[in-house]
Amino acid sequence: MASIKNIIFDLCGPIITIDVGLIDKRLQQLGVKTELPYRKLYDIGLTKRFESNQMTTAQFCNELRQTLNTNISDEQICETWNTLIVSFKRKHQTILPKVHNHYRTFMLSNSDVVNAEYFTKYLGTTRQCFDEIFFSYMIGDRKPSENVFKHILAKHNLNADETLFIDDCEKHCIGAKKVGLNTIWLQKPKDICELFNDNGTLKQQI
């Protein structure tokens, strides 16, 4: 097996901590009566379609209002959609530049345009730790689709057997394995910092 030269990180979970329950809380503060509103939107496929760029932000907001029986504005919906971030641990901000010194690094996130724009600003200078950041809405497809991983490999001329994918979702890792990527399923409470030495190199070859 070839040694690892490239690393693709998932964003939400491994790098930043999120909680979609915060979206539910904000929607309820705005008067939405539906129980577990985010789950309802997810179950009808709305979030996945938005993350895959199958609809505009205006269309997303209209369908959300219809589904949740609410009259909140597009602006309120977009603001609510970005309340899901809990934290960006200092140790993650510290290790990522070190990792980037040793590997070509990329980020891949299933994110719609609203979240993606907010995430990009939220990451601040940490954006510089990645050769490129890929959001699913930009690709028009989302993990675990093989097409997403093939897109990154082709665009940057990466060898799959030299590339490691780190994600906290098992099915996403399964999708990555189908195109030949090495994977680490980062199960709680394991942290990305545990995978690397203090200088940013992987603790062991995959």
N, C-alpha and C. Protein backbone atom coordinates (compact mmCIF):
# COMPACT_ATOMS: atom_id res chain seq x y z
N MET A 1 0.85 -1.20 0.00
CA MET A 1 0.00 0.00 0.00
C MET A 1 0.88 1.25 0.00
N ALA A 2 0.51 2.21 -0.81
CA ALA A 2 1.28 3.46 -0.87
C ALA A 2 1.12 4.25 0.42
N SER A 3 2.11 5.05 0.73
CA SER A 3 2.01 5.89 1.92
C SER A 3 1.03 7.03 1.67
N ILE A 4 0.47 7.59 2.74
CA ILE A 4 -0.53 8.64 2.62
C ILE A 4 0.14 9.97 2.28
N LYS A 5 -0.34 10.59 1.23
CA LYS A 5 0.17 11.90 0.81
C LYS A 5 -0.92 12.97 0.87
N ASN A 6 -2.19 12.53 0.88
CA ASN A 6 -3.32 13.47 0.83
C ASN A 6 -4.36 13.08 1.88
N ILE A 7 -4.96 14.08 2.51
CA ILE A 7 -6.00 13.82 3.51
C ILE A 7 -7.22 14.68 3.21
N ILE A 8 -8.38 14.03 3.17
CA ILE A 8 -9.66 14.73 3.00
C ILE A 8 -10.41 14.66 4.32
N PHE A 9 -10.69 15.81 4.89
CA PHE A 9 -11.39 15.89 6.17
C PHE A 9 -12.87 16.21 5.96
N ASP A 10 -13.72 15.54 6.70
CA ASP A 10 -15.10 15.98 6.86
C ASP A 10 -15.05 17.21 7.77
N LEU A 11 -16.01 18.12 7.61
CA LEU A 11 -16.02 19.34 8.42
C LEU A 11 -16.78 19.16 9.73
N CYS A 12 -18.06 18.82 9.62
CA CYS A 12 -18.93 18.82 10.81
C CYS A 12 -18.78 17.51 11.58
N GLY A 13 -18.19 17.61 12.73
CA GLY A 13 -17.88 16.46 13.56
C GLY A 13 -16.39 16.41 13.81
N PRO A 14 -15.60 16.04 12.80
CA PRO A 14 -14.16 15.99 12.99
C PRO A 14 -13.51 17.36 13.26
N ILE A 15 -13.98 18.42 12.60
CA ILE A 15 -13.32 19.72 12.74
C ILE A 15 -14.13 20.68 13.61
N ILE A 16 -15.38 20.91 13.26
CA ILE A 16 -16.24 21.75 14.10
C ILE A 16 -17.36 20.90 14.67
N THR A 17 -17.87 21.32 15.81
CA THR A 17 -18.96 20.60 16.47
C THR A 17 -20.28 21.30 16.16
N ILE A 18 -21.27 20.52 15.73
CA ILE A 18 -22.58 21.10 15.43
C ILE A 18 -23.67 20.35 16.18
N ASP A 19 -24.84 20.98 16.24
CA ASP A 19 -26.00 20.37 16.88
C ASP A 19 -27.25 20.90 16.18
N VAL A 20 -27.89 20.05 15.36
CA VAL A 20 -29.07 20.50 14.62
C VAL A 20 -30.23 20.79 15.58
N GLY A 21 -30.13 20.32 16.81
CA GLY A 21 -31.14 20.66 17.81
C GLY A 21 -31.22 22.16 18.06
N LEU A 22 -30.12 22.86 17.79
CA LEU A 22 -30.12 24.31 17.94
C LEU A 22 -31.00 24.97 16.87
N ILE A 23 -31.08 24.34 15.70
CA ILE A 23 -31.98 24.84 14.65
C ILE A 23 -33.42 24.66 15.12
N ASP A 24 -33.73 23.48 15.67
CA ASP A 24 -35.08 23.23 16.20
C ASP A 24 -35.44 24.28 17.25
N LYS A 25 -34.52 24.55 18.14
CA LYS A 25 -34.78 25.50 19.23
C LYS A 25 -35.09 26.88 18.69
N ARG A 26 -34.31 27.32 17.69
CA ARG A 26 -34.53 28.66 17.12
C ARG A 26 -35.86 28.71 16.35
N LEU A 27 -36.17 27.66 15.60
CA LEU A 27 -37.44 27.64 14.87
C LEU A 27 -38.62 27.71 15.83
N GLN A 28 -38.51 27.02 16.94
CA GLN A 28 -39.59 27.05 17.93
C GLN A 28 -39.70 28.43 18.59
N GLN A 29 -38.57 29.10 18.76
CA GLN A 29 -38.58 30.46 19.28
C GLN A 29 -39.29 31.41 18.31
N LEU A 30 -39.23 31.07 17.02
CA LEU A 30 -39.87 31.89 15.99
C LEU A 30 -41.34 31.49 15.77
N GLY A 31 -41.83 30.55 16.58
CA GLY A 31 -43.24 30.21 16.54
C GLY A 31 -43.61 28.93 15.83
N VAL A 32 -42.62 28.18 15.33
CA VAL A 32 -42.91 26.91 14.66
C VAL A 32 -43.40 25.89 15.69
N LYS A 33 -44.53 25.28 15.41
CA LYS A 33 -45.14 24.35 16.37
C LYS A 33 -44.78 22.89 16.11
N THR A 34 -44.21 22.60 14.93
CA THR A 34 -43.88 21.23 14.57
C THR A 34 -42.84 20.65 15.53
N GLU A 35 -43.08 19.43 15.98
CA GLU A 35 -42.11 18.76 16.84
C GLU A 35 -40.94 18.26 16.01
N LEU A 36 -39.72 18.50 16.47
CA LEU A 36 -38.50 18.12 15.76
C LEU A 36 -38.56 18.56 14.29
N PRO A 37 -38.63 19.86 14.05
CA PRO A 37 -38.78 20.35 12.68
C PRO A 37 -37.65 19.97 11.74
N TYR A 38 -36.41 19.98 12.23
CA TYR A 38 -35.29 19.61 11.35
C TYR A 38 -35.45 18.18 10.86
N ARG A 39 -35.84 17.27 11.75
CA ARG A 39 -36.04 15.88 11.37
C ARG A 39 -37.12 15.75 10.30
N LYS A 40 -38.17 16.55 10.41
CA LYS A 40 -39.24 16.49 9.41
C LYS A 40 -38.71 16.95 8.05
N LEU A 41 -37.92 18.02 8.04
CA LEU A 41 -37.34 18.52 6.79
C LEU A 41 -36.38 17.50 6.19
N TYR A 42 -35.64 16.83 7.06
CA TYR A 42 -34.69 15.80 6.62
C TYR A 42 -35.45 14.60 6.04
N ASP A 43 -36.50 14.19 6.72
CA ASP A 43 -37.26 13.00 6.31
C ASP A 43 -37.92 13.16 4.94
N ILE A 44 -38.29 14.37 4.58
CA ILE A 44 -38.91 14.58 3.26
C ILE A 44 -37.86 14.85 2.18
N GLY A 45 -36.59 14.81 2.58
CA GLY A 45 -35.50 14.98 1.61
C GLY A 45 -35.16 16.42 1.28
N LEU A 46 -35.74 17.37 1.99
CA LEU A 46 -35.51 18.78 1.67
C LEU A 46 -34.05 19.18 1.90
N THR A 47 -33.50 18.77 3.02
CA THR A 47 -32.12 19.16 3.32
C THR A 47 -31.15 18.55 2.31
N LYS A 48 -31.38 17.32 1.91
CA LYS A 48 -30.49 16.66 0.95
C LYS A 48 -30.58 17.34 -0.42
N ARG A 49 -31.78 17.71 -0.82
CA ARG A 49 -31.93 18.37 -2.12
C ARG A 49 -31.25 19.73 -2.12
N PHE A 50 -31.34 20.44 -1.00
CA PHE A 50 -30.68 21.75 -0.89
C PHE A 50 -29.16 21.58 -0.88
N GLU A 51 -28.68 20.57 -0.19
CA GLU A 51 -27.24 20.31 -0.13
C GLU A 51 -26.69 19.88 -1.49
N SER A 52 -27.55 19.32 -2.35
CA SER A 52 -27.12 18.86 -3.67
C SER A 52 -27.37 19.91 -4.75
N ASN A 53 -27.74 21.11 -4.34
CA ASN A 53 -27.98 22.24 -5.25
C ASN A 53 -29.10 21.95 -6.24
N GLN A 54 -30.12 21.23 -5.77
CA GLN A 54 -31.27 20.93 -6.63
C GLN A 54 -32.36 22.00 -6.51
N MET A 55 -32.10 23.03 -5.70
CA MET A 55 -33.07 24.11 -5.54
C MET A 55 -32.34 25.38 -5.11
N THR A 56 -32.98 26.50 -5.36
CA THR A 56 -32.43 27.78 -4.93
C THR A 56 -32.74 27.99 -3.45
N THR A 57 -32.09 28.99 -2.86
CA THR A 57 -32.38 29.32 -1.47
C THR A 57 -33.83 29.74 -1.30
N ALA A 58 -34.34 30.49 -2.26
CA ALA A 58 -35.74 30.94 -2.20
C ALA A 58 -36.70 29.74 -2.24
N GLN A 59 -36.41 28.77 -3.09
CA GLN A 59 -37.24 27.58 -3.18
C GLN A 59 -37.17 26.77 -1.89
N PHE A 60 -35.99 26.68 -1.32
CA PHE A 60 -35.82 25.99 -0.05
C PHE A 60 -36.66 26.65 1.04
N CYS A 61 -36.57 27.96 1.13
CA CYS A 61 -37.32 28.69 2.15
C CYS A 61 -38.83 28.52 1.96
N ASN A 62 -39.28 28.54 0.72
CA ASN A 62 -40.71 28.38 0.44
C ASN A 62 -41.20 27.00 0.87
N GLU A 63 -40.42 25.97 0.55
CA GLU A 63 -40.84 24.61 0.92
C GLU A 63 -40.77 24.41 2.43
N LEU A 64 -39.78 25.02 3.06
CA LEU A 64 -39.69 24.94 4.53
C LEU A 64 -40.93 25.55 5.17
N ARG A 65 -41.33 26.73 4.67
CA ARG A 65 -42.53 27.38 5.23
C ARG A 65 -43.77 26.52 5.04
N GLN A 66 -43.91 25.92 3.87
CA GLN A 66 -45.08 25.08 3.61
C GLN A 66 -45.08 23.84 4.50
N THR A 67 -43.90 23.23 4.65
CA THR A 67 -43.79 22.00 5.43
C THR A 67 -44.03 22.23 6.91
N LEU A 68 -43.51 23.35 7.42
CA LEU A 68 -43.61 23.64 8.85
C LEU A 68 -44.77 24.57 9.20
N ASN A 69 -45.54 24.94 8.17
CA ASN A 69 -46.71 25.79 8.39
C ASN A 69 -46.34 27.05 9.16
N THR A 70 -45.41 27.81 8.57
CA THR A 70 -44.93 29.02 9.22
C THR A 70 -44.83 30.15 8.19
N ASN A 71 -44.79 31.37 8.69
CA ASN A 71 -44.67 32.54 7.81
C ASN A 71 -43.35 33.28 8.02
N ILE A 72 -42.37 32.64 8.66
CA ILE A 72 -41.11 33.34 8.91
C ILE A 72 -40.42 33.68 7.59
N SER A 73 -39.64 34.75 7.60
CA SER A 73 -39.04 35.28 6.38
C SER A 73 -37.83 34.46 5.93
N ASP A 74 -37.43 34.69 4.67
CA ASP A 74 -36.22 34.04 4.16
C ASP A 74 -35.02 34.39 5.04
N GLU A 75 -34.94 35.65 5.44
CA GLU A 75 -33.82 36.10 6.27
C GLU A 75 -33.79 35.36 7.61
N GLN A 76 -34.96 35.19 8.21
CA GLN A 76 -35.03 34.47 9.49
C GLN A 76 -34.65 33.01 9.32
N ILE A 77 -35.07 32.42 8.20
CA ILE A 77 -34.74 31.01 7.95
C ILE A 77 -33.23 30.84 7.78
N CYS A 78 -32.60 31.71 7.01
CA CYS A 78 -31.16 31.60 6.78
C CYS A 78 -30.38 31.84 8.07
N GLU A 79 -30.84 32.78 8.86
CA GLU A 79 -30.19 33.03 10.15
C GLU A 79 -30.33 31.81 11.05
N THR A 80 -31.51 31.23 11.07
CA THR A 80 -31.77 30.03 11.86
C THR A 80 -30.91 28.87 11.40
N TRP A 81 -30.75 28.72 10.10
CA TRP A 81 -30.02 27.60 9.52
C TRP A 81 -28.56 27.59 9.93
N ASN A 82 -28.06 28.76 10.32
CA ASN A 82 -26.65 28.87 10.71
C ASN A 82 -26.44 28.90 12.22
N THR A 83 -27.46 28.51 12.98
CA THR A 83 -27.31 28.47 14.44
C THR A 83 -26.79 27.13 14.94
N LEU A 84 -26.48 26.23 14.04
CA LEU A 84 -26.14 24.86 14.43
C LEU A 84 -24.73 24.68 14.97
N ILE A 85 -23.85 25.66 14.79
CA ILE A 85 -22.47 25.50 15.25
C ILE A 85 -22.38 25.61 16.76
N VAL A 86 -21.69 24.65 17.36
CA VAL A 86 -21.47 24.65 18.80
C VAL A 86 -20.08 25.19 19.13
N SER A 87 -19.06 24.67 18.45
CA SER A 87 -17.70 25.09 18.78
C SER A 87 -16.71 24.71 17.69
N PHE A 88 -15.57 25.33 17.73
CA PHE A 88 -14.41 25.02 16.89
C PHE A 88 -13.23 24.95 17.85
N LYS A 89 -12.91 23.75 18.28
CA LYS A 89 -11.94 23.57 19.35
C LYS A 89 -10.58 24.15 18.99
N ARG A 90 -9.96 24.80 19.97
CA ARG A 90 -8.65 25.40 19.77
C ARG A 90 -7.63 24.36 19.31
N LYS A 91 -7.72 23.14 19.87
CA LYS A 91 -6.74 22.12 19.49
C LYS A 91 -6.88 21.71 18.02
N HIS A 92 -8.08 21.84 17.47
CA HIS A 92 -8.26 21.57 16.05
C HIS A 92 -7.66 22.70 15.21
N GLN A 93 -7.85 23.91 15.66
CA GLN A 93 -7.26 25.06 14.98
C GLN A 93 -5.74 24.98 15.00
N THR A 94 -5.20 24.35 16.02
CA THR A 94 -3.75 24.24 16.16
C THR A 94 -3.16 23.12 15.33
N ILE A 95 -3.84 21.96 15.27
CA ILE A 95 -3.27 20.80 14.59
C ILE A 95 -3.39 20.89 13.07
N LEU A 96 -4.43 21.51 12.55
CA LEU A 96 -4.65 21.51 11.10
C LEU A 96 -3.53 22.18 10.31
N PRO A 97 -2.99 23.32 10.74
CA PRO A 97 -1.85 23.89 10.00
C PRO A 97 -0.64 22.97 10.00
N LYS A 98 -0.43 22.24 11.08
CA LYS A 98 0.69 21.31 11.16
C LYS A 98 0.50 20.15 10.20
N VAL A 99 -0.73 19.64 10.12
CA VAL A 99 -1.02 18.56 9.19
C VAL A 99 -0.77 19.03 7.75
N HIS A 100 -1.16 20.25 7.48
CA HIS A 100 -1.02 20.81 6.13
C HIS A 100 0.45 20.95 5.73
N ASN A 101 1.34 21.02 6.70
CA ASN A 101 2.77 21.10 6.41
C ASN A 101 3.31 19.79 5.85
N HIS A 102 2.60 18.70 6.08
CA HIS A 102 3.09 17.38 5.68
C HIS A 102 2.27 16.71 4.59
N TYR A 103 1.03 17.15 4.39
CA TYR A 103 0.13 16.49 3.43
C TYR A 103 -0.63 17.54 2.61
N ARG A 104 -1.07 17.12 1.44
CA ARG A 104 -2.07 17.92 0.74
C ARG A 104 -3.39 17.68 1.46
N THR A 105 -4.05 18.73 1.87
CA THR A 105 -5.26 18.57 2.68
C THR A 105 -6.45 19.23 2.01
N PHE A 106 -7.59 18.58 2.16
CA PHE A 106 -8.84 19.03 1.56
C PHE A 106 -9.96 18.89 2.58
N MET A 107 -11.02 19.62 2.37
CA MET A 107 -12.20 19.47 3.21
C MET A 107 -13.39 19.17 2.32
N LEU A 108 -14.23 18.24 2.77
CA LEU A 108 -15.43 17.85 2.03
C LEU A 108 -16.61 17.83 2.98
N SER A 109 -17.61 18.65 2.69
CA SER A 109 -18.76 18.76 3.59
C SER A 109 -20.06 18.70 2.81
N ASN A 110 -21.01 17.93 3.31
CA ASN A 110 -22.37 17.97 2.77
C ASN A 110 -23.02 19.24 3.29
N SER A 111 -22.94 20.31 2.51
CA SER A 111 -23.46 21.61 2.95
C SER A 111 -24.16 22.33 1.82
N ASP A 112 -25.27 22.97 2.15
CA ASP A 112 -25.97 23.82 1.20
C ASP A 112 -25.28 25.17 1.12
N VAL A 113 -25.74 26.03 0.22
CA VAL A 113 -25.08 27.32 0.01
C VAL A 113 -25.16 28.22 1.23
N VAL A 114 -26.25 28.16 1.98
CA VAL A 114 -26.41 29.01 3.17
C VAL A 114 -25.39 28.63 4.24
N ASN A 115 -25.34 27.34 4.58
CA ASN A 115 -24.37 26.88 5.57
C ASN A 115 -22.94 27.06 5.08
N ALA A 116 -22.70 26.76 3.80
CA ALA A 116 -21.34 26.81 3.27
C ALA A 116 -20.74 28.21 3.37
N GLU A 117 -21.52 29.22 3.03
CA GLU A 117 -21.03 30.59 3.11
C GLU A 117 -20.72 30.97 4.55
N TYR A 118 -21.56 30.52 5.47
CA TYR A 118 -21.35 30.81 6.88
C TYR A 118 -20.15 30.05 7.42
N PHE A 119 -20.06 28.76 7.08
CA PHE A 119 -18.93 27.95 7.53
C PHE A 119 -17.60 28.55 7.06
N THR A 120 -17.58 29.01 5.82
CA THR A 120 -16.35 29.56 5.26
C THR A 120 -15.86 30.76 6.06
N LYS A 121 -16.79 31.64 6.42
CA LYS A 121 -16.43 32.80 7.23
C LYS A 121 -16.03 32.36 8.64
N TYR A 122 -16.75 31.40 9.18
CA TYR A 122 -16.52 30.93 10.55
C TYR A 122 -15.13 30.32 10.70
N LEU A 123 -14.66 29.63 9.68
CA LEU A 123 -13.35 28.98 9.74
C LEU A 123 -12.20 29.98 9.79
N GLY A 124 -12.44 31.19 9.30
CA GLY A 124 -11.41 32.23 9.36
C GLY A 124 -10.13 31.82 8.67
N THR A 125 -9.00 32.06 9.31
CA THR A 125 -7.70 31.77 8.69
C THR A 125 -7.44 30.27 8.54
N THR A 126 -8.22 29.43 9.22
CA THR A 126 -8.04 27.98 9.08
C THR A 126 -8.32 27.53 7.65
N ARG A 127 -9.04 28.33 6.89
CA ARG A 127 -9.28 28.01 5.47
C ARG A 127 -7.97 27.79 4.72
N GLN A 128 -6.94 28.48 5.17
CA GLN A 128 -5.65 28.40 4.49
C GLN A 128 -4.96 27.05 4.69
N CYS A 129 -5.51 26.24 5.58
CA CYS A 129 -4.94 24.91 5.85
C CYS A 129 -5.37 23.87 4.83
N PHE A 130 -6.20 24.26 3.87
CA PHE A 130 -6.72 23.31 2.90
C PHE A 130 -6.36 23.74 1.48
N ASP A 131 -5.93 22.77 0.68
CA ASP A 131 -5.67 23.06 -0.73
C ASP A 131 -6.94 23.48 -1.43
N GLU A 132 -8.06 22.87 -1.03
CA GLU A 132 -9.37 23.30 -1.53
C GLU A 132 -10.44 22.79 -0.58
N ILE A 133 -11.50 23.58 -0.47
CA ILE A 133 -12.66 23.21 0.33
C ILE A 133 -13.81 22.88 -0.62
N PHE A 134 -14.37 21.70 -0.46
CA PHE A 134 -15.47 21.25 -1.31
C PHE A 134 -16.75 21.17 -0.49
N PHE A 135 -17.77 21.87 -0.96
CA PHE A 135 -19.11 21.75 -0.38
C PHE A 135 -19.99 21.03 -1.40
N SER A 136 -20.88 20.19 -0.91
CA SER A 136 -21.68 19.35 -1.81
C SER A 136 -22.50 20.17 -2.80
N TYR A 137 -23.01 21.34 -2.38
CA TYR A 137 -23.83 22.12 -3.30
C TYR A 137 -23.01 22.57 -4.52
N MET A 138 -21.69 22.74 -4.34
CA MET A 138 -20.83 23.14 -5.43
C MET A 138 -20.63 22.01 -6.43
N ILE A 139 -20.64 20.78 -5.93
CA ILE A 139 -20.42 19.61 -6.78
C ILE A 139 -21.73 19.14 -7.41
N GLY A 140 -22.85 19.43 -6.73
CA GLY A 140 -24.16 18.98 -7.21
C GLY A 140 -24.47 17.56 -6.80
N ASP A 141 -23.73 17.07 -5.82
CA ASP A 141 -23.94 15.72 -5.30
C ASP A 141 -23.36 15.70 -3.89
N ARG A 142 -23.71 14.69 -3.11
CA ARG A 142 -23.28 14.68 -1.71
C ARG A 142 -22.79 13.30 -1.30
N LYS A 143 -21.96 13.29 -0.25
CA LYS A 143 -21.54 12.01 0.32
C LYS A 143 -22.77 11.22 0.72
N PRO A 144 -22.77 9.91 0.55
CA PRO A 144 -21.66 9.01 0.20
C PRO A 144 -21.52 8.68 -1.28
N SER A 145 -22.06 9.50 -2.17
CA SER A 145 -21.98 9.21 -3.59
C SER A 145 -20.52 9.08 -4.05
N GLU A 146 -20.25 8.06 -4.84
CA GLU A 146 -18.89 7.87 -5.36
C GLU A 146 -18.47 9.05 -6.22
N ASN A 147 -19.43 9.70 -6.87
CA ASN A 147 -19.11 10.81 -7.76
C ASN A 147 -18.42 11.96 -7.04
N VAL A 148 -18.78 12.16 -5.78
CA VAL A 148 -18.18 13.25 -5.00
C VAL A 148 -16.68 13.00 -4.82
N PHE A 149 -16.33 11.79 -4.45
CA PHE A 149 -14.93 11.47 -4.22
C PHE A 149 -14.14 11.43 -5.53
N LYS A 150 -14.77 10.91 -6.57
CA LYS A 150 -14.12 10.89 -7.89
C LYS A 150 -13.84 12.31 -8.38
N HIS A 151 -14.74 13.22 -8.08
CA HIS A 151 -14.57 14.62 -8.48
C HIS A 151 -13.30 15.22 -7.87
N ILE A 152 -13.10 14.98 -6.58
CA ILE A 152 -11.92 15.53 -5.90
C ILE A 152 -10.64 14.88 -6.42
N LEU A 153 -10.66 13.56 -6.56
CA LEU A 153 -9.48 12.85 -7.05
C LEU A 153 -9.09 13.34 -8.44
N ALA A 154 -10.07 13.51 -9.31
CA ALA A 154 -9.78 13.92 -10.68
C ALA A 154 -9.30 15.36 -10.74
N LYS A 155 -9.95 16.24 -9.99
CA LYS A 155 -9.60 17.67 -10.07
C LYS A 155 -8.18 17.93 -9.61
N HIS A 156 -7.73 17.18 -8.61
CA HIS A 156 -6.39 17.42 -8.06
C HIS A 156 -5.40 16.30 -8.40
N ASN A 157 -5.80 15.42 -9.32
CA ASN A 157 -4.91 14.36 -9.80
C ASN A 157 -4.33 13.56 -8.64
N LEU A 158 -5.21 13.13 -7.74
CA LEU A 158 -4.80 12.38 -6.56
C LEU A 158 -4.93 10.88 -6.81
N ASN A 159 -4.00 10.12 -6.28
CA ASN A 159 -4.12 8.67 -6.29
C ASN A 159 -4.94 8.23 -5.09
N ALA A 160 -5.96 7.44 -5.33
CA ALA A 160 -6.85 7.02 -4.25
C ALA A 160 -6.10 6.30 -3.13
N ASP A 161 -5.14 5.44 -3.51
CA ASP A 161 -4.45 4.65 -2.48
C ASP A 161 -3.46 5.48 -1.68
N GLU A 162 -3.22 6.72 -2.09
CA GLU A 162 -2.36 7.64 -1.34
C GLU A 162 -3.18 8.67 -0.57
N THR A 163 -4.50 8.49 -0.58
CA THR A 163 -5.41 9.49 -0.01
C THR A 163 -6.21 8.90 1.13
N LEU A 164 -6.29 9.64 2.23
CA LEU A 164 -7.03 9.23 3.42
C LEU A 164 -8.25 10.14 3.59
N PHE A 165 -9.39 9.52 3.86
CA PHE A 165 -10.64 10.25 4.12
C PHE A 165 -11.04 10.04 5.56
N ILE A 166 -11.29 11.12 6.29
CA ILE A 166 -11.66 11.06 7.70
C ILE A 166 -13.05 11.65 7.87
N ASP A 167 -13.98 10.84 8.40
CA ASP A 167 -15.37 11.26 8.54
C ASP A 167 -15.98 10.58 9.76
N ASP A 168 -16.96 11.23 10.39
CA ASP A 168 -17.59 10.62 11.56
C ASP A 168 -18.85 9.84 11.19
N CYS A 169 -19.10 9.66 9.89
CA CYS A 169 -20.27 8.92 9.42
C CYS A 169 -19.81 7.66 8.68
N GLU A 170 -20.26 6.51 9.15
CA GLU A 170 -19.81 5.24 8.58
C GLU A 170 -20.17 5.11 7.10
N LYS A 171 -21.40 5.50 6.73
CA LYS A 171 -21.82 5.32 5.34
C LYS A 171 -21.00 6.19 4.38
N HIS A 172 -20.52 7.33 4.87
CA HIS A 172 -19.67 8.17 4.02
C HIS A 172 -18.32 7.48 3.79
N CYS A 173 -17.80 6.83 4.82
CA CYS A 173 -16.55 6.09 4.68
C CYS A 173 -16.71 4.91 3.73
N ILE A 174 -17.87 4.27 3.77
CA ILE A 174 -18.14 3.15 2.87
C ILE A 174 -18.13 3.64 1.42
N GLY A 175 -18.73 4.80 1.19
CA GLY A 175 -18.72 5.38 -0.15
C GLY A 175 -17.32 5.70 -0.63
N ALA A 176 -16.49 6.21 0.27
CA ALA A 176 -15.11 6.55 -0.08
C ALA A 176 -14.29 5.29 -0.41
N LYS A 177 -14.53 4.24 0.34
CA LYS A 177 -13.81 2.98 0.11
C LYS A 177 -14.12 2.41 -1.27
N LYS A 178 -15.31 2.66 -1.77
CA LYS A 178 -15.71 2.11 -3.07
C LYS A 178 -14.88 2.67 -4.21
N VAL A 179 -14.27 3.86 -4.00
CA VAL A 179 -13.41 4.43 -5.05
C VAL A 179 -11.93 4.23 -4.71
N GLY A 180 -11.67 3.43 -3.66
CA GLY A 180 -10.29 3.07 -3.34
C GLY A 180 -9.60 3.92 -2.30
N LEU A 181 -10.33 4.84 -1.68
CA LEU A 181 -9.72 5.68 -0.65
C LEU A 181 -9.49 4.89 0.64
N ASN A 182 -8.44 5.25 1.35
CA ASN A 182 -8.26 4.80 2.72
C ASN A 182 -9.19 5.63 3.59
N THR A 183 -9.73 5.03 4.63
CA THR A 183 -10.70 5.77 5.45
C THR A 183 -10.46 5.55 6.94
N ILE A 184 -10.86 6.55 7.70
CA ILE A 184 -10.97 6.43 9.15
C ILE A 184 -12.36 6.89 9.54
N TRP A 185 -13.12 5.99 10.11
CA TRP A 185 -14.43 6.33 10.65
C TRP A 185 -14.19 6.83 12.08
N LEU A 186 -14.33 8.12 12.26
CA LEU A 186 -13.99 8.77 13.53
C LEU A 186 -15.19 8.70 14.48
N GLN A 187 -15.25 7.64 15.25
CA GLN A 187 -16.37 7.43 16.16
C GLN A 187 -16.13 8.14 17.50
N LYS A 188 -17.18 8.74 18.02
CA LYS A 188 -17.08 9.40 19.33
C LYS A 188 -16.68 8.38 20.38
N PRO A 189 -15.87 8.78 21.36
CA PRO A 189 -15.37 10.13 21.62
C PRO A 189 -14.02 10.42 20.99
N LYS A 190 -13.59 9.62 20.01
CA LYS A 190 -12.28 9.82 19.42
C LYS A 190 -12.22 11.17 18.72
N ASP A 191 -11.06 11.82 18.81
CA ASP A 191 -10.86 13.16 18.28
C ASP A 191 -9.78 13.12 17.19
N ILE A 192 -9.87 14.00 16.21
CA ILE A 192 -8.87 14.00 15.12
C ILE A 192 -7.46 14.18 15.65
N CYS A 193 -7.31 14.91 16.74
CA CYS A 193 -5.97 15.14 17.28
C CYS A 193 -5.29 13.83 17.71
N GLU A 194 -6.09 12.83 18.02
CA GLU A 194 -5.54 11.53 18.42
C GLU A 194 -4.92 10.78 17.25
N LEU A 195 -5.21 11.22 16.02
CA LEU A 195 -4.69 10.54 14.84
C LEU A 195 -3.31 11.01 14.44
N PHE A 196 -2.90 12.17 15.00
CA PHE A 196 -1.66 12.80 14.55
C PHE A 196 -0.67 13.00 15.69
N ASN A 197 0.60 12.98 15.32
CA ASN A 197 1.66 13.35 16.25
C ASN A 197 1.62 14.87 16.44
N ASP A 198 2.37 15.37 17.42
CA ASP A 198 2.36 16.80 17.71
C ASP A 198 2.83 17.64 16.52
N ASN A 199 3.64 17.04 15.64
CA ASN A 199 4.14 17.79 14.49
C ASN A 199 3.20 17.74 13.29
N GLY A 200 2.09 17.01 13.42
CA GLY A 200 1.10 16.96 12.34
C GLY A 200 1.19 15.74 11.44
N THR A 201 2.12 14.84 11.70
CA THR A 201 2.20 13.62 10.89
C THR A 201 1.27 12.57 11.46
N LEU A 202 0.78 11.69 10.61
CA LEU A 202 -0.08 10.61 11.07
C LEU A 202 0.70 9.70 12.00
N LYS A 203 0.03 9.23 13.05
CA LYS A 203 0.70 8.37 14.02
C LYS A 203 1.07 7.01 13.47
N GLN A 204 0.29 6.55 12.48
CA GLN A 204 0.62 5.28 11.85
C GLN A 204 0.10 5.28 10.44
N GLN A 205 0.73 4.52 9.60
CA GLN A 205 0.23 4.41 8.23
C GLN A 205 -1.06 3.64 8.22
N ILE A 206 -1.95 4.02 7.35
CA ILE A 206 -3.28 3.41 7.29
C ILE A 206 -3.20 2.08 6.54
